Amino acid sequence: MQRTKNSAAKAVKKHNYWKWAFILLLAIVLGSGLFVMQQVTAPNQQAREITQKTSSHQQHATINVEMNKQQLNTTINYYLKRQQKNKKIKYQFYVDQAAVLVGTTKLLGQRVSFSLYTQPTVTSQGNILLHAKSVAIGTLNAPPKFILSYIQKNYNLGKWVTIDSKNETIRLNLRQIKGFHGISVRAQKIDLTQNQFKFKVDVPFKQ
């Protein structure tokens, strides 16, 4: 009988050892895991310095974008469609052998179609300057200065289009176009012959 009690006591004591050993092991594992997670998720000194420098010196990230003629036509006409809501003049922009503005307007009380053929260049501010070469109104050719002056006087094209009838140019102010979350675009290169159209897209950092 005494031997049975001693055996039971030893079994309980042994069980307690295993219980405390398990608890200690669990505590070590959990503690180690929390420590590792804390070290992994906490930014290191170099990352903190980079973040601080980026925040203090840059307000946006710049992405280089290169397009072909088809992609450029699709992109510009998407923005043109948005900008022309509730406008009396409707026009589209196409790039092929020349940069062409095609649209409809009222001239002397009649609705007519027009095609303005231009040579595009990039300004130092990243805008596009269209140099008018010829204008077709219906089946007739007209001086570019005439149609540009008429449109300039009779229509509000918005901030992003500036007409200079004297110098026969149209400036597309890309910097005035603000996209989703303040994204803006700058032209870098326009080459009709090589089918190269390069832009820089500025994406502002979240404040």
N, C-alpha and C. Protein backbone atom coordinates (compact mmCIF):
# COMPACT_ATOMS: atom_id res chain seq x y z
N MET A 1 0.83 -1.20 0.00
CA MET A 1 0.00 0.00 0.00
C MET A 1 0.86 1.25 0.00
N GLN A 2 1.86 1.25 0.85
CA GLN A 2 2.78 2.39 0.95
C GLN A 2 3.54 2.56 -0.35
N ARG A 3 3.89 1.40 -0.95
CA ARG A 3 4.64 1.45 -2.20
C ARG A 3 3.79 2.08 -3.31
N THR A 4 2.50 1.79 -3.32
CA THR A 4 1.58 2.36 -4.32
C THR A 4 1.49 3.86 -4.19
N LYS A 5 1.40 4.36 -2.91
CA LYS A 5 1.33 5.81 -2.67
C LYS A 5 2.59 6.50 -3.14
N ASN A 6 3.73 5.89 -2.86
CA ASN A 6 5.00 6.49 -3.28
C ASN A 6 5.10 6.56 -4.80
N SER A 7 4.63 5.51 -5.46
CA SER A 7 4.66 5.48 -6.93
C SER A 7 3.76 6.57 -7.51
N ALA A 8 2.58 6.75 -6.90
CA ALA A 8 1.64 7.78 -7.36
C ALA A 8 2.23 9.17 -7.17
N ALA A 9 2.88 9.37 -6.00
CA ALA A 9 3.48 10.69 -5.71
C ALA A 9 4.58 11.00 -6.71
N LYS A 10 5.39 9.98 -7.03
CA LYS A 10 6.46 10.19 -8.00
C LYS A 10 5.89 10.52 -9.38
N ALA A 11 4.76 9.84 -9.73
CA ALA A 11 4.14 10.08 -11.04
C ALA A 11 3.62 11.51 -11.14
N VAL A 12 2.98 11.99 -10.02
CA VAL A 12 2.45 13.36 -9.99
C VAL A 12 3.58 14.36 -10.09
N LYS A 13 4.68 14.07 -9.32
CA LYS A 13 5.83 14.97 -9.32
C LYS A 13 6.45 15.04 -10.71
N LYS A 14 6.55 13.85 -11.37
CA LYS A 14 7.11 13.81 -12.71
C LYS A 14 6.22 14.56 -13.70
N HIS A 15 4.88 14.42 -13.50
CA HIS A 15 3.92 15.11 -14.36
C HIS A 15 4.06 16.62 -14.21
N ASN A 16 4.26 17.08 -12.96
CA ASN A 16 4.44 18.52 -12.71
C ASN A 16 5.70 19.05 -13.39
N TYR A 17 6.76 18.23 -13.36
CA TYR A 17 7.98 18.65 -14.04
C TYR A 17 7.71 18.88 -15.53
N TRP A 18 7.03 17.92 -16.14
CA TRP A 18 6.74 18.04 -17.56
C TRP A 18 5.83 19.25 -17.85
N LYS A 19 4.88 19.48 -16.93
CA LYS A 19 3.96 20.61 -17.12
C LYS A 19 4.72 21.93 -17.10
N TRP A 20 5.59 22.12 -16.11
CA TRP A 20 6.35 23.36 -16.00
C TRP A 20 7.37 23.50 -17.12
N ALA A 21 7.93 22.36 -17.52
CA ALA A 21 8.87 22.40 -18.64
C ALA A 21 8.16 22.85 -19.93
N PHE A 22 6.94 22.34 -20.12
CA PHE A 22 6.16 22.72 -21.30
C PHE A 22 5.80 24.20 -21.27
N ILE A 23 5.37 24.69 -20.08
CA ILE A 23 5.02 26.11 -19.94
C ILE A 23 6.23 27.01 -20.22
N LEU A 24 7.39 26.60 -19.69
CA LEU A 24 8.62 27.37 -19.90
C LEU A 24 9.00 27.39 -21.38
N LEU A 25 8.89 26.22 -22.02
CA LEU A 25 9.21 26.14 -23.45
C LEU A 25 8.26 27.02 -24.27
N LEU A 26 6.98 26.98 -23.92
CA LEU A 26 5.99 27.79 -24.62
C LEU A 26 6.28 29.28 -24.46
N ALA A 27 6.68 29.67 -23.22
CA ALA A 27 7.01 31.07 -22.97
C ALA A 27 8.21 31.51 -23.79
N ILE A 28 9.21 30.62 -23.88
CA ILE A 28 10.42 30.94 -24.66
C ILE A 28 10.07 31.11 -26.14
N VAL A 29 9.25 30.18 -26.65
CA VAL A 29 8.86 30.24 -28.06
C VAL A 29 8.09 31.51 -28.36
N LEU A 30 7.10 31.83 -27.50
CA LEU A 30 6.30 33.04 -27.70
C LEU A 30 7.14 34.30 -27.59
N GLY A 31 8.01 34.30 -26.57
CA GLY A 31 8.87 35.47 -26.38
C GLY A 31 9.81 35.67 -27.54
N SER A 32 10.38 34.58 -28.04
CA SER A 32 11.29 34.67 -29.19
C SER A 32 10.54 35.15 -30.43
N GLY A 33 9.32 34.63 -30.60
CA GLY A 33 8.52 35.04 -31.76
C GLY A 33 8.19 36.51 -31.73
N LEU A 34 7.78 37.02 -30.57
CA LEU A 34 7.47 38.44 -30.44
C LEU A 34 8.69 39.30 -30.70
N PHE A 35 9.85 38.86 -30.20
CA PHE A 35 11.08 39.62 -30.39
C PHE A 35 11.44 39.69 -31.88
N VAL A 36 11.35 38.51 -32.54
CA VAL A 36 11.68 38.47 -33.97
C VAL A 36 10.72 39.35 -34.77
N MET A 37 9.42 39.27 -34.46
CA MET A 37 8.44 40.08 -35.17
C MET A 37 8.70 41.56 -34.98
N GLN A 38 9.06 41.93 -33.74
CA GLN A 38 9.35 43.33 -33.45
C GLN A 38 10.54 43.82 -34.26
N GLN A 39 11.58 42.96 -34.35
CA GLN A 39 12.77 43.36 -35.10
C GLN A 39 12.51 43.42 -36.60
N VAL A 40 11.67 42.49 -37.09
CA VAL A 40 11.39 42.46 -38.52
C VAL A 40 10.53 43.64 -38.95
N THR A 41 9.51 43.94 -38.16
CA THR A 41 8.57 45.00 -38.55
C THR A 41 9.09 46.39 -38.25
N ALA A 42 10.02 46.53 -37.33
CA ALA A 42 10.56 47.86 -37.02
C ALA A 42 11.53 48.28 -38.11
N PRO A 43 11.38 49.49 -38.71
CA PRO A 43 12.30 49.94 -39.75
C PRO A 43 13.69 50.16 -39.19
N ASN A 44 14.70 49.73 -39.96
CA ASN A 44 16.06 49.94 -39.49
C ASN A 44 16.47 51.39 -39.67
N GLN A 45 17.63 51.72 -39.16
CA GLN A 45 18.08 53.11 -39.17
C GLN A 45 18.23 53.63 -40.60
N GLN A 46 18.76 52.78 -41.49
CA GLN A 46 18.96 53.20 -42.87
C GLN A 46 17.63 53.48 -43.55
N ALA A 47 16.64 52.61 -43.30
CA ALA A 47 15.32 52.81 -43.89
C ALA A 47 14.68 54.09 -43.38
N ARG A 48 14.86 54.37 -42.07
CA ARG A 48 14.30 55.60 -41.50
C ARG A 48 14.95 56.82 -42.14
N GLU A 49 16.27 56.75 -42.36
CA GLU A 49 16.96 57.88 -42.96
C GLU A 49 16.50 58.11 -44.39
N ILE A 50 16.34 57.00 -45.16
CA ILE A 50 15.87 57.12 -46.54
C ILE A 50 14.47 57.73 -46.58
N THR A 51 13.59 57.25 -45.68
CA THR A 51 12.23 57.77 -45.63
C THR A 51 12.22 59.25 -45.31
N GLN A 52 13.05 59.66 -44.34
CA GLN A 52 13.11 61.07 -43.96
C GLN A 52 13.63 61.92 -45.11
N LYS A 53 14.68 61.43 -45.81
CA LYS A 53 15.23 62.19 -46.93
C LYS A 53 14.21 62.31 -48.05
N THR A 54 13.53 61.20 -48.35
CA THR A 54 12.54 61.22 -49.42
C THR A 54 11.41 62.18 -49.10
N SER A 55 10.96 62.17 -47.85
CA SER A 55 9.85 63.02 -47.45
C SER A 55 10.23 64.49 -47.50
N SER A 56 11.48 64.78 -47.15
CA SER A 56 11.88 66.18 -47.04
C SER A 56 12.30 66.77 -48.38
N HIS A 57 12.79 65.94 -49.33
CA HIS A 57 13.33 66.48 -50.57
C HIS A 57 12.46 66.21 -51.79
N GLN A 58 11.61 65.20 -51.77
CA GLN A 58 10.80 64.87 -52.92
C GLN A 58 9.33 64.85 -52.54
N GLN A 59 8.51 65.39 -53.45
CA GLN A 59 7.08 65.40 -53.21
C GLN A 59 6.34 64.43 -54.13
N HIS A 60 7.06 63.84 -55.08
CA HIS A 60 6.43 62.90 -56.00
C HIS A 60 7.45 61.91 -56.55
N ALA A 61 6.92 60.82 -57.07
CA ALA A 61 7.74 59.85 -57.79
C ALA A 61 7.52 60.05 -59.28
N THR A 62 8.57 59.87 -60.08
CA THR A 62 8.48 60.08 -61.52
C THR A 62 8.61 58.75 -62.26
N ILE A 63 7.66 58.51 -63.16
CA ILE A 63 7.64 57.28 -63.95
C ILE A 63 7.82 57.64 -65.42
N ASN A 64 8.75 56.98 -66.09
CA ASN A 64 8.97 57.20 -67.52
C ASN A 64 8.02 56.32 -68.33
N VAL A 65 7.32 56.94 -69.28
CA VAL A 65 6.35 56.22 -70.11
C VAL A 65 6.69 56.45 -71.58
N GLU A 66 6.74 55.37 -72.35
CA GLU A 66 6.99 55.48 -73.80
C GLU A 66 5.81 54.87 -74.55
N MET A 67 5.31 55.59 -75.57
CA MET A 67 4.14 55.15 -76.32
C MET A 67 4.45 55.12 -77.81
N ASN A 68 3.58 54.40 -78.56
CA ASN A 68 3.58 54.51 -80.01
C ASN A 68 2.41 55.40 -80.42
N LYS A 69 2.21 55.58 -81.72
CA LYS A 69 1.18 56.51 -82.20
C LYS A 69 -0.22 56.09 -81.76
N GLN A 70 -0.50 54.81 -81.87
CA GLN A 70 -1.84 54.32 -81.51
C GLN A 70 -2.12 54.55 -80.03
N GLN A 71 -1.16 54.26 -79.18
CA GLN A 71 -1.34 54.45 -77.74
C GLN A 71 -1.49 55.93 -77.40
N LEU A 72 -0.70 56.78 -78.08
CA LEU A 72 -0.79 58.22 -77.83
C LEU A 72 -2.16 58.76 -78.24
N ASN A 73 -2.65 58.36 -79.41
CA ASN A 73 -3.96 58.81 -79.87
C ASN A 73 -5.06 58.43 -78.89
N THR A 74 -5.02 57.19 -78.42
CA THR A 74 -6.03 56.72 -77.47
C THR A 74 -5.99 57.51 -76.17
N THR A 75 -4.77 57.75 -75.67
CA THR A 75 -4.62 58.44 -74.39
C THR A 75 -5.08 59.89 -74.47
N ILE A 76 -4.62 60.62 -75.50
CA ILE A 76 -4.97 62.04 -75.62
C ILE A 76 -6.46 62.21 -75.84
N ASN A 77 -7.07 61.38 -76.68
CA ASN A 77 -8.50 61.53 -76.94
C ASN A 77 -9.35 61.15 -75.74
N TYR A 78 -8.82 60.31 -74.87
CA TYR A 78 -9.53 60.02 -73.62
C TYR A 78 -9.64 61.29 -72.78
N TYR A 79 -8.52 62.02 -72.66
CA TYR A 79 -8.54 63.26 -71.89
C TYR A 79 -9.34 64.35 -72.61
N LEU A 80 -9.24 64.41 -73.93
CA LEU A 80 -10.00 65.40 -74.68
C LEU A 80 -11.50 65.21 -74.46
N LYS A 81 -11.94 63.98 -74.46
CA LYS A 81 -13.36 63.70 -74.26
C LYS A 81 -13.83 64.19 -72.91
N ARG A 82 -12.99 64.01 -71.89
CA ARG A 82 -13.33 64.49 -70.55
C ARG A 82 -13.36 66.01 -70.49
N GLN A 83 -12.40 66.65 -71.16
CA GLN A 83 -12.29 68.10 -71.11
C GLN A 83 -13.37 68.80 -71.92
N GLN A 84 -13.97 68.12 -72.89
CA GLN A 84 -14.93 68.77 -73.79
C GLN A 84 -16.38 68.62 -73.35
N LYS A 85 -16.60 68.15 -72.16
CA LYS A 85 -17.97 68.04 -71.68
C LYS A 85 -18.62 69.42 -71.64
N ASN A 86 -19.82 69.52 -72.20
CA ASN A 86 -20.58 70.77 -72.24
C ASN A 86 -19.89 71.86 -73.05
N LYS A 87 -18.99 71.50 -73.96
CA LYS A 87 -18.34 72.47 -74.84
C LYS A 87 -19.06 72.50 -76.19
N LYS A 88 -19.08 73.68 -76.82
CA LYS A 88 -19.76 73.83 -78.11
C LYS A 88 -18.92 73.30 -79.27
N ILE A 89 -17.63 73.22 -79.07
CA ILE A 89 -16.75 72.72 -80.11
C ILE A 89 -16.25 71.33 -79.72
N LYS A 90 -16.28 70.42 -80.68
CA LYS A 90 -15.83 69.06 -80.43
C LYS A 90 -14.67 68.75 -81.37
N TYR A 91 -13.61 68.16 -80.83
CA TYR A 91 -12.47 67.85 -81.67
C TYR A 91 -11.71 66.66 -81.11
N GLN A 92 -10.96 66.02 -81.99
CA GLN A 92 -10.12 64.89 -81.63
C GLN A 92 -8.71 65.13 -82.16
N PHE A 93 -7.78 64.37 -81.63
CA PHE A 93 -6.37 64.56 -81.96
C PHE A 93 -5.80 63.24 -82.49
N TYR A 94 -5.15 63.31 -83.64
CA TYR A 94 -4.56 62.11 -84.22
C TYR A 94 -3.13 62.39 -84.65
N VAL A 95 -2.28 61.42 -84.42
CA VAL A 95 -0.88 61.51 -84.84
C VAL A 95 -0.62 60.44 -85.89
N ASP A 96 -0.14 60.89 -87.05
CA ASP A 96 0.28 59.96 -88.09
C ASP A 96 1.52 60.54 -88.75
N GLN A 97 1.42 60.98 -90.01
CA GLN A 97 2.54 61.69 -90.64
C GLN A 97 2.64 63.11 -90.10
N ALA A 98 1.53 63.61 -89.60
CA ALA A 98 1.47 64.92 -88.93
C ALA A 98 0.56 64.77 -87.73
N ALA A 99 0.54 65.80 -86.88
CA ALA A 99 -0.40 65.81 -85.76
C ALA A 99 -1.62 66.60 -86.23
N VAL A 100 -2.78 65.96 -86.21
CA VAL A 100 -3.97 66.55 -86.81
C VAL A 100 -5.08 66.71 -85.77
N LEU A 101 -5.64 67.92 -85.71
CA LEU A 101 -6.83 68.18 -84.91
C LEU A 101 -8.03 68.12 -85.85
N VAL A 102 -8.96 67.21 -85.57
CA VAL A 102 -10.15 67.04 -86.40
C VAL A 102 -11.36 67.32 -85.54
N GLY A 103 -12.27 68.19 -86.04
CA GLY A 103 -13.43 68.50 -85.22
C GLY A 103 -14.54 69.15 -86.00
N THR A 104 -15.56 69.59 -85.27
CA THR A 104 -16.68 70.31 -85.86
C THR A 104 -16.92 71.58 -85.06
N THR A 105 -17.37 72.62 -85.77
CA THR A 105 -17.68 73.88 -85.11
C THR A 105 -18.69 74.64 -85.97
N LYS A 106 -19.19 75.74 -85.44
CA LYS A 106 -20.10 76.59 -86.21
C LYS A 106 -19.31 77.74 -86.81
N LEU A 107 -19.47 77.93 -88.10
CA LEU A 107 -18.78 78.99 -88.81
C LEU A 107 -19.80 79.73 -89.66
N LEU A 108 -19.99 81.03 -89.35
CA LEU A 108 -20.98 81.85 -90.05
C LEU A 108 -22.37 81.21 -89.97
N GLY A 109 -22.67 80.66 -88.81
CA GLY A 109 -23.99 80.09 -88.57
C GLY A 109 -24.18 78.67 -89.05
N GLN A 110 -23.20 78.11 -89.71
CA GLN A 110 -23.30 76.75 -90.23
C GLN A 110 -22.32 75.83 -89.51
N ARG A 111 -22.77 74.61 -89.22
CA ARG A 111 -21.87 73.64 -88.60
C ARG A 111 -20.99 73.02 -89.68
N VAL A 112 -19.69 73.15 -89.48
CA VAL A 112 -18.74 72.65 -90.47
C VAL A 112 -17.69 71.78 -89.77
N SER A 113 -17.08 70.92 -90.55
CA SER A 113 -15.98 70.10 -90.03
C SER A 113 -14.66 70.75 -90.44
N PHE A 114 -13.64 70.54 -89.64
CA PHE A 114 -12.33 71.11 -89.96
C PHE A 114 -11.23 70.12 -89.61
N SER A 115 -10.13 70.25 -90.30
CA SER A 115 -8.93 69.45 -90.02
C SER A 115 -7.74 70.40 -89.99
N LEU A 116 -7.06 70.44 -88.87
CA LEU A 116 -5.91 71.33 -88.68
C LEU A 116 -4.65 70.47 -88.62
N TYR A 117 -3.78 70.63 -89.61
CA TYR A 117 -2.55 69.85 -89.68
C TYR A 117 -1.41 70.63 -89.02
N THR A 118 -0.72 69.99 -88.10
CA THR A 118 0.30 70.69 -87.33
C THR A 118 1.58 69.87 -87.22
N GLN A 119 2.64 70.56 -86.83
CA GLN A 119 3.92 69.93 -86.52
C GLN A 119 4.16 70.10 -85.02
N PRO A 120 4.22 69.02 -84.25
CA PRO A 120 4.35 69.15 -82.79
C PRO A 120 5.80 69.25 -82.33
N THR A 121 6.02 70.04 -81.30
CA THR A 121 7.32 70.10 -80.61
C THR A 121 7.05 70.09 -79.11
N VAL A 122 8.10 69.82 -78.34
CA VAL A 122 7.99 69.78 -76.88
C VAL A 122 8.62 71.04 -76.30
N THR A 123 7.92 71.70 -75.39
CA THR A 123 8.45 72.90 -74.75
C THR A 123 9.32 72.50 -73.55
N SER A 124 10.06 73.47 -73.04
CA SER A 124 10.93 73.21 -71.88
C SER A 124 10.13 72.88 -70.63
N GLN A 125 8.85 73.28 -70.60
CA GLN A 125 7.99 72.99 -69.44
C GLN A 125 7.31 71.63 -69.54
N GLY A 126 7.55 70.92 -70.65
CA GLY A 126 6.93 69.61 -70.81
C GLY A 126 5.56 69.65 -71.45
N ASN A 127 5.20 70.79 -72.06
CA ASN A 127 3.94 70.89 -72.79
C ASN A 127 4.18 70.59 -74.27
N ILE A 128 3.10 70.48 -75.05
CA ILE A 128 3.21 70.21 -76.48
C ILE A 128 2.78 71.44 -77.25
N LEU A 129 3.63 71.90 -78.16
CA LEU A 129 3.33 73.06 -78.99
C LEU A 129 3.07 72.59 -80.41
N LEU A 130 1.86 72.88 -80.91
CA LEU A 130 1.47 72.48 -82.26
C LEU A 130 1.61 73.68 -83.20
N HIS A 131 2.46 73.55 -84.19
CA HIS A 131 2.66 74.61 -85.18
C HIS A 131 1.75 74.33 -86.37
N ALA A 132 0.75 75.21 -86.58
CA ALA A 132 -0.23 74.99 -87.64
C ALA A 132 0.42 75.11 -89.02
N LYS A 133 0.16 74.13 -89.89
CA LYS A 133 0.71 74.13 -91.24
C LYS A 133 -0.37 74.39 -92.29
N SER A 134 -1.54 73.78 -92.09
CA SER A 134 -2.64 74.00 -93.02
C SER A 134 -3.96 73.65 -92.34
N VAL A 135 -5.04 74.21 -92.89
CA VAL A 135 -6.38 73.96 -92.35
C VAL A 135 -7.32 73.65 -93.50
N ALA A 136 -8.13 72.61 -93.33
CA ALA A 136 -9.17 72.29 -94.30
C ALA A 136 -10.52 72.46 -93.61
N ILE A 137 -11.38 73.32 -94.19
CA ILE A 137 -12.74 73.52 -93.67
C ILE A 137 -13.68 72.92 -94.70
N GLY A 138 -14.28 71.79 -94.35
CA GLY A 138 -15.04 71.05 -95.36
C GLY A 138 -14.08 70.57 -96.43
N THR A 139 -14.33 70.99 -97.67
CA THR A 139 -13.43 70.63 -98.77
C THR A 139 -12.53 71.79 -99.18
N LEU A 140 -12.60 72.88 -98.44
CA LEU A 140 -11.83 74.08 -98.79
C LEU A 140 -10.63 74.24 -97.88
N ASN A 141 -9.55 74.75 -98.45
CA ASN A 141 -8.39 75.10 -97.65
C ASN A 141 -8.53 76.54 -97.17
N ALA A 142 -8.07 76.79 -95.95
CA ALA A 142 -8.17 78.13 -95.37
C ALA A 142 -6.87 78.46 -94.66
N PRO A 143 -6.58 79.76 -94.51
CA PRO A 143 -5.38 80.15 -93.77
C PRO A 143 -5.50 79.72 -92.31
N PRO A 144 -4.47 79.07 -91.74
CA PRO A 144 -4.53 78.66 -90.33
C PRO A 144 -4.85 79.80 -89.38
N LYS A 145 -4.31 80.98 -89.67
CA LYS A 145 -4.53 82.13 -88.79
C LYS A 145 -6.01 82.46 -88.69
N PHE A 146 -6.75 82.31 -89.79
CA PHE A 146 -8.18 82.65 -89.80
C PHE A 146 -8.97 81.74 -88.87
N ILE A 147 -8.81 80.43 -89.03
CA ILE A 147 -9.60 79.50 -88.21
C ILE A 147 -9.16 79.54 -86.75
N LEU A 148 -7.86 79.73 -86.50
CA LEU A 148 -7.38 79.81 -85.12
C LEU A 148 -7.92 81.05 -84.43
N SER A 149 -7.94 82.17 -85.16
CA SER A 149 -8.47 83.41 -84.59
C SER A 149 -9.96 83.28 -84.30
N TYR A 150 -10.70 82.63 -85.20
CA TYR A 150 -12.13 82.45 -85.01
C TYR A 150 -12.43 81.60 -83.79
N ILE A 151 -11.72 80.48 -83.65
CA ILE A 151 -11.92 79.60 -82.50
C ILE A 151 -11.52 80.29 -81.21
N GLN A 152 -10.41 81.02 -81.26
CA GLN A 152 -9.91 81.71 -80.06
C GLN A 152 -10.93 82.73 -79.55
N LYS A 153 -11.60 83.43 -80.45
CA LYS A 153 -12.55 84.48 -80.06
C LYS A 153 -13.90 83.93 -79.65
N ASN A 154 -14.28 82.79 -80.18
CA ASN A 154 -15.65 82.32 -80.00
C ASN A 154 -15.82 81.12 -79.07
N TYR A 155 -14.71 80.50 -78.68
CA TYR A 155 -14.85 79.29 -77.87
C TYR A 155 -13.88 79.30 -76.70
N ASN A 156 -14.38 78.76 -75.59
CA ASN A 156 -13.53 78.55 -74.41
C ASN A 156 -13.07 77.10 -74.41
N LEU A 157 -11.80 76.90 -74.69
CA LEU A 157 -11.28 75.54 -74.79
C LEU A 157 -10.74 75.02 -73.47
N GLY A 158 -10.81 75.85 -72.42
CA GLY A 158 -10.31 75.42 -71.12
C GLY A 158 -8.86 75.82 -70.92
N LYS A 159 -8.37 75.62 -69.69
CA LYS A 159 -7.02 76.05 -69.33
C LYS A 159 -5.94 75.26 -70.05
N TRP A 160 -6.25 74.07 -70.46
CA TRP A 160 -5.18 73.21 -70.96
C TRP A 160 -4.89 73.41 -72.45
N VAL A 161 -5.68 74.26 -73.14
CA VAL A 161 -5.42 74.58 -74.55
C VAL A 161 -5.27 76.09 -74.70
N THR A 162 -4.13 76.53 -75.25
CA THR A 162 -3.88 77.95 -75.48
C THR A 162 -3.62 78.17 -76.96
N ILE A 163 -4.45 79.03 -77.58
CA ILE A 163 -4.30 79.33 -79.01
C ILE A 163 -3.60 80.67 -79.18
N ASP A 164 -2.59 80.69 -80.02
CA ASP A 164 -1.89 81.92 -80.39
C ASP A 164 -2.06 82.07 -81.90
N SER A 165 -3.13 82.78 -82.31
CA SER A 165 -3.43 82.89 -83.74
C SER A 165 -2.37 83.69 -84.48
N LYS A 166 -1.74 84.64 -83.81
CA LYS A 166 -0.72 85.47 -84.45
C LYS A 166 0.46 84.62 -84.90
N ASN A 167 0.91 83.72 -84.02
CA ASN A 167 2.03 82.84 -84.35
C ASN A 167 1.59 81.48 -84.91
N GLU A 168 0.28 81.33 -85.06
CA GLU A 168 -0.31 80.11 -85.64
C GLU A 168 0.11 78.85 -84.88
N THR A 169 -0.05 78.91 -83.57
CA THR A 169 0.31 77.77 -82.72
C THR A 169 -0.82 77.45 -81.74
N ILE A 170 -0.82 76.21 -81.31
CA ILE A 170 -1.72 75.75 -80.24
C ILE A 170 -0.85 75.06 -79.20
N ARG A 171 -0.96 75.50 -77.97
CA ARG A 171 -0.18 74.86 -76.90
C ARG A 171 -1.09 73.97 -76.08
N LEU A 172 -0.72 72.70 -75.98
CA LEU A 172 -1.44 71.77 -75.11
C LEU A 172 -0.73 71.77 -73.76
N ASN A 173 -1.36 72.39 -72.79
CA ASN A 173 -0.76 72.54 -71.46
C ASN A 173 -0.97 71.27 -70.64
N LEU A 174 -0.11 70.30 -70.86
CA LEU A 174 -0.26 69.02 -70.17
C LEU A 174 -0.17 69.18 -68.66
N ARG A 175 0.59 70.18 -68.21
CA ARG A 175 0.76 70.38 -66.76
C ARG A 175 -0.54 70.82 -66.10
N GLN A 176 -1.50 71.30 -66.91
CA GLN A 176 -2.78 71.73 -66.36
C GLN A 176 -3.76 70.57 -66.19
N ILE A 177 -3.41 69.43 -66.77
CA ILE A 177 -4.29 68.27 -66.66
C ILE A 177 -3.92 67.49 -65.41
N LYS A 178 -4.84 67.41 -64.48
CA LYS A 178 -4.62 66.63 -63.26
C LYS A 178 -5.46 65.37 -63.31
N GLY A 179 -4.78 64.26 -63.19
CA GLY A 179 -5.48 62.99 -63.22
C GLY A 179 -5.85 62.50 -61.83
N PHE A 180 -6.04 61.20 -61.72
CA PHE A 180 -6.43 60.56 -60.46
C PHE A 180 -5.38 60.81 -59.38
N HIS A 181 -5.82 61.30 -58.21
CA HIS A 181 -4.93 61.58 -57.08
C HIS A 181 -3.82 62.58 -57.42
N GLY A 182 -4.12 63.54 -58.31
CA GLY A 182 -3.15 64.59 -58.60
C GLY A 182 -2.02 64.19 -59.52
N ILE A 183 -2.16 63.08 -60.22
CA ILE A 183 -1.13 62.64 -61.16
C ILE A 183 -1.04 63.62 -62.33
N SER A 184 0.17 64.03 -62.71
CA SER A 184 0.36 64.96 -63.82
C SER A 184 1.35 64.38 -64.83
N VAL A 185 1.33 64.96 -66.05
CA VAL A 185 2.12 64.43 -67.16
C VAL A 185 2.98 65.53 -67.77
N ARG A 186 4.21 65.16 -68.16
CA ARG A 186 5.10 66.06 -68.90
C ARG A 186 5.58 65.36 -70.15
N ALA A 187 5.55 66.06 -71.26
CA ALA A 187 6.09 65.50 -72.50
C ALA A 187 7.61 65.61 -72.47
N GLN A 188 8.29 64.60 -72.97
CA GLN A 188 9.75 64.59 -73.01
C GLN A 188 10.27 64.53 -74.44
N LYS A 189 9.63 63.71 -75.28
CA LYS A 189 10.08 63.58 -76.66
C LYS A 189 8.90 63.21 -77.55
N ILE A 190 8.79 63.90 -78.70
CA ILE A 190 7.79 63.56 -79.70
C ILE A 190 8.49 63.47 -81.05
N ASP A 191 8.55 62.28 -81.60
CA ASP A 191 9.23 62.04 -82.87
C ASP A 191 8.29 61.25 -83.78
N LEU A 192 7.64 61.96 -84.73
CA LEU A 192 6.68 61.31 -85.61
C LEU A 192 7.36 60.30 -86.54
N THR A 193 8.55 60.63 -87.00
CA THR A 193 9.26 59.77 -87.95
C THR A 193 9.65 58.44 -87.31
N GLN A 194 10.19 58.51 -86.09
CA GLN A 194 10.65 57.31 -85.39
C GLN A 194 9.55 56.63 -84.58
N ASN A 195 8.36 57.23 -84.58
CA ASN A 195 7.23 56.68 -83.81
C ASN A 195 7.58 56.55 -82.33
N GLN A 196 8.22 57.59 -81.79
CA GLN A 196 8.61 57.61 -80.39
C GLN A 196 7.95 58.79 -79.67
N PHE A 197 7.29 58.46 -78.57
CA PHE A 197 6.61 59.48 -77.78
C PHE A 197 6.88 59.17 -76.31
N LYS A 198 7.70 60.01 -75.70
CA LYS A 198 8.13 59.76 -74.32
C LYS A 198 7.56 60.83 -73.39
N PHE A 199 7.09 60.36 -72.24
CA PHE A 199 6.50 61.25 -71.24
C PHE A 199 7.02 60.89 -69.85
N LYS A 200 6.92 61.85 -68.97
CA LYS A 200 7.21 61.61 -67.56
C LYS A 200 5.91 61.82 -66.78
N VAL A 201 5.56 60.83 -65.98
CA VAL A 201 4.34 60.89 -65.17
C VAL A 201 4.75 61.11 -63.71
N ASP A 202 4.27 62.20 -63.13
CA ASP A 202 4.57 62.52 -61.74
C ASP A 202 3.44 62.05 -60.84
N VAL A 203 3.77 61.16 -59.91
CA VAL A 203 2.78 60.62 -58.97
C VAL A 203 3.10 61.17 -57.58
N PRO A 204 2.25 62.03 -57.03
CA PRO A 204 2.54 62.62 -55.71
C PRO A 204 2.50 61.59 -54.60
N PHE A 205 3.40 61.78 -53.62
CA PHE A 205 3.38 60.92 -52.45
C PHE A 205 2.18 61.25 -51.59
N LYS A 206 1.65 60.24 -50.92
CA LYS A 206 0.52 60.45 -50.02
C LYS A 206 0.98 61.24 -48.81
N GLN A 207 0.22 62.26 -48.47
CA GLN A 207 0.57 63.08 -47.31
C GLN A 207 -0.16 62.55 -46.08
